Amino acid sequence: MIISKILFSLLTLLTFSVANVLPLSYSYQLQLLDQKNSNANSKYFNLLNYFNNDYNSIKISQIPIKSQKFIPNQISRDDRESWIQEQKTVSFRNILNNIGGSLTNISNPENNGVSVGAVIASPSKVHPDYFYQWTRDAAITMLTICDYLQDDNFQNISLIDLMESYIDNNYYLQRLSNPSGDFDDLSGLGEAKFHVNNTAFMEHWGRPQRDGPALRAITTIKYIDLLNKFNNGEIKTDDKIFNSTADIYNLIIKPDLEYVAKYWNKKSFDLWEEIDSFHFFTSMVQLRSLYSGAQLALKFNDNQFYYYLMENARSLNDFVVFKSGYKQPSLDHLVETPSLYLSNHRSGLDSAIIIASILTHDFDLDVNHLIPFDINDPLILGTLYALISDMKYRYAINHNLISLNLGVGIGRYPEDIYDGTGFAEGNPWFLSTSYAAELFYKIVYSFFNNAEDLRINPANFKFYKENIINFNQESIENDIILPFKSSAFNATVSNLLSYADSFLDVVHSHVSDEGSISEQFDRYSGYMKGASDLTWSYGSLWNAFRWREKVLVLF
C-alpha cells in the first residue's frame, strides 16, 4: 500500500512521453518534480531520491523524458565527418606553414626571412599587417603542438625539433631590448610582438601585455612535462642554447615566472590589445603559470622560489575570486574588464573569458583543482550562454539559426567595432566560435572522465531550458541531478554533443573550399574578413576537433 501511494504521487508529479529516438539526440520532456515533495533532508533535488533502498526495483532509466529536438543544419552528418577529417589535416598543416623552420614553411616563399622557431600570426602583410610574432599567439600555437605530441606519444621528431626551436628562439626574444623595457629588470618580457626576423618592433603599440610571459611559461612547462613523461627528461636536439630541462627552467621559464610574480598586480593591455587595465584572461593565465611554475620549481629543488611563487599565486587567486570585480553579485556571467563594466562602457561579456577557462585548465594538470573557473563552473557556462544570446541577434548572419537551437557565430565581445581592417562593425571570429565548440566538448568529456552526474542548477537552468531540455517551468530553486549514464543523462549529453557540433557547422559554412581560415567572417554576408590564414584560427579549430574525438571515444 505504501509503495502504491508513493508511485501514484510520483506519477501525478511527473509528466512524460515516449518519443521517437533520433540518430544523435533523443526527444524527451522533463517535468520538474515539486520541490515540496522532494526529500526534505536532501540539499539537492535528485530524481533518485524517490528510489531509495526500499524501492530500488524502480530504475531511473524507466522514466522517459523529452528533450528539445535538434533541427539539423544544411550539412549532413556524412559531409560533416568528411570535412572534419580533411579540415583537421589542413588546419595543422597551415599551423606549421606559419612557423619558421617547419618542413612546410621551407617551401612557402611568403615566409622567407622568418627566424627558426618564430610563429607568425598570419602571412598577411597589408590590410591588415599581421606578419609578426606575438608572444601570446606563439605560446598558444605551440601549446597546440604540445597537445599533438602528447596524443602522438612524443613520436614526431620534426615537431619535437620545432618545439625546441621555439624555446630556443624565445631565449633571444626575452633578452632583446624593446620599447617595453629590458631583460635586466624583466620589464622587456611584457613586449607584445616582434618582427619575424627577431628584431624589436619600435612603433607605437598597446604595451605592455602581461599575458605573454605567463602563456610562454605555461607552454614551456607543458613541454618539460612531456620530456619527463616520454623521454626521461632528456632534450632531443643538440644545437640549442640549452642542454637539459634544468637549462630550460633556469634560462627561459624562470625569468617569465619572475616577471609574472613581479607584475601580476599591475595593469596590462588585454589580449585584444585595446584596453590598459586588469583583465580576467590575463589574471587567469598568470595564475596557472604561477601554480604550474611552483610545482616545477619543486622538481628542480628550487624551494625558495617555490614558496615565492606560491605566495604570489595565493594572492593572485584571492584577487581573481574576491577583489578584482571579475565576479559581480548581480550577474550570471563573469566580467573580462571590470573597469569598463563599472564605468558603463561595456557589458563585461567577452569570449576571452571562455578562452581563459580553456587554456588554464586541463584534465591531467596537477594544479587543476587550485585554479578557479574551470570549464564546468556555472559562471563560465553562464558567460557563454550570455554571449550566444547576444550574438545570435547581433549578427545578421546568425538570424536564420535563432529558432533552431543551433550554434551561432561568436565574436569577441558585444561592443566590438573592429572589422578586420578598420573600425566600423565587429564580426564573428572563427577562433571564438571554435572555442565555444571546444568548451561544450570538454564539458561532456568531464562527465565521462570523472563519472559525474549531470547537474542542472538555478545558475545554468536558462541555458539548458533554451537549448537542451524542454522544461515546463521558467525557473528552479533546487538542483536537478541526472545520474551518470542514466537514460536522462545519456539523452542530455547527446544533445550537448550535437549542440557543440553545430558550432563546427558554423565554421564549416564560412571557411574556403580549400580549408583556408581567416580571422573573422562578415556579420552580414558570411564571407571571410581580416587577416588571412590566421594561425590562432587554425589552432583553435584543431583543438575543437581534438576534443570532439576524445568525447566520441568515451561516448
Foldseek 3Di string as FASTA:
>chain_A
DVVVVLVVLVVVQWDWDADDQDPQFGFWATEDGDPVPADPPDQFGEPCSSCPPVRVVDDLLVGTGGKDDFDDDPQDPVNLVVCLVQLLVVLVLLQQCQAPPAPNVVPDPLCPLFQQLAGFQFSDCVLNHRQWGFLQLSLLSLLLLLVVCVVVLNDDPRSLVSSLRNLLLVLLLQQAAEPQGGNVVSSSQQPTIAHRNSHYDHDDFFDRALLRLLSNLVSLLSVQVSCVVRPVQFRDDDPGPDGGVVCSCVRRNVSSLVSLLVDVPAWGQYPVRDDTAAFLLSLLSSLLSLVSNLVVCVVVVVPVVSVSSVVSSVVSQCCNPPNVQQDDPVDLAGATGRVCCVVVNFVRQFLSLLVSQVSRADPPDPCRVVRPDHLPPLRNLSSVVVQQVQLCPQFPVNVVCVPRLAGDFGCGGSVAQDPQNDGHRTFGWLLSLLSVLQSLLVVLVCCLVVVAWDKDAQSCVVVCCVRIHVYPDDGDHRIYTHHRPHPVRVNRSSSSNRRSVRSVVLVVVEADPSSKAATGAHSHPRYGHHRTSRSSSSSSNSSSSVSNVVSVVRD
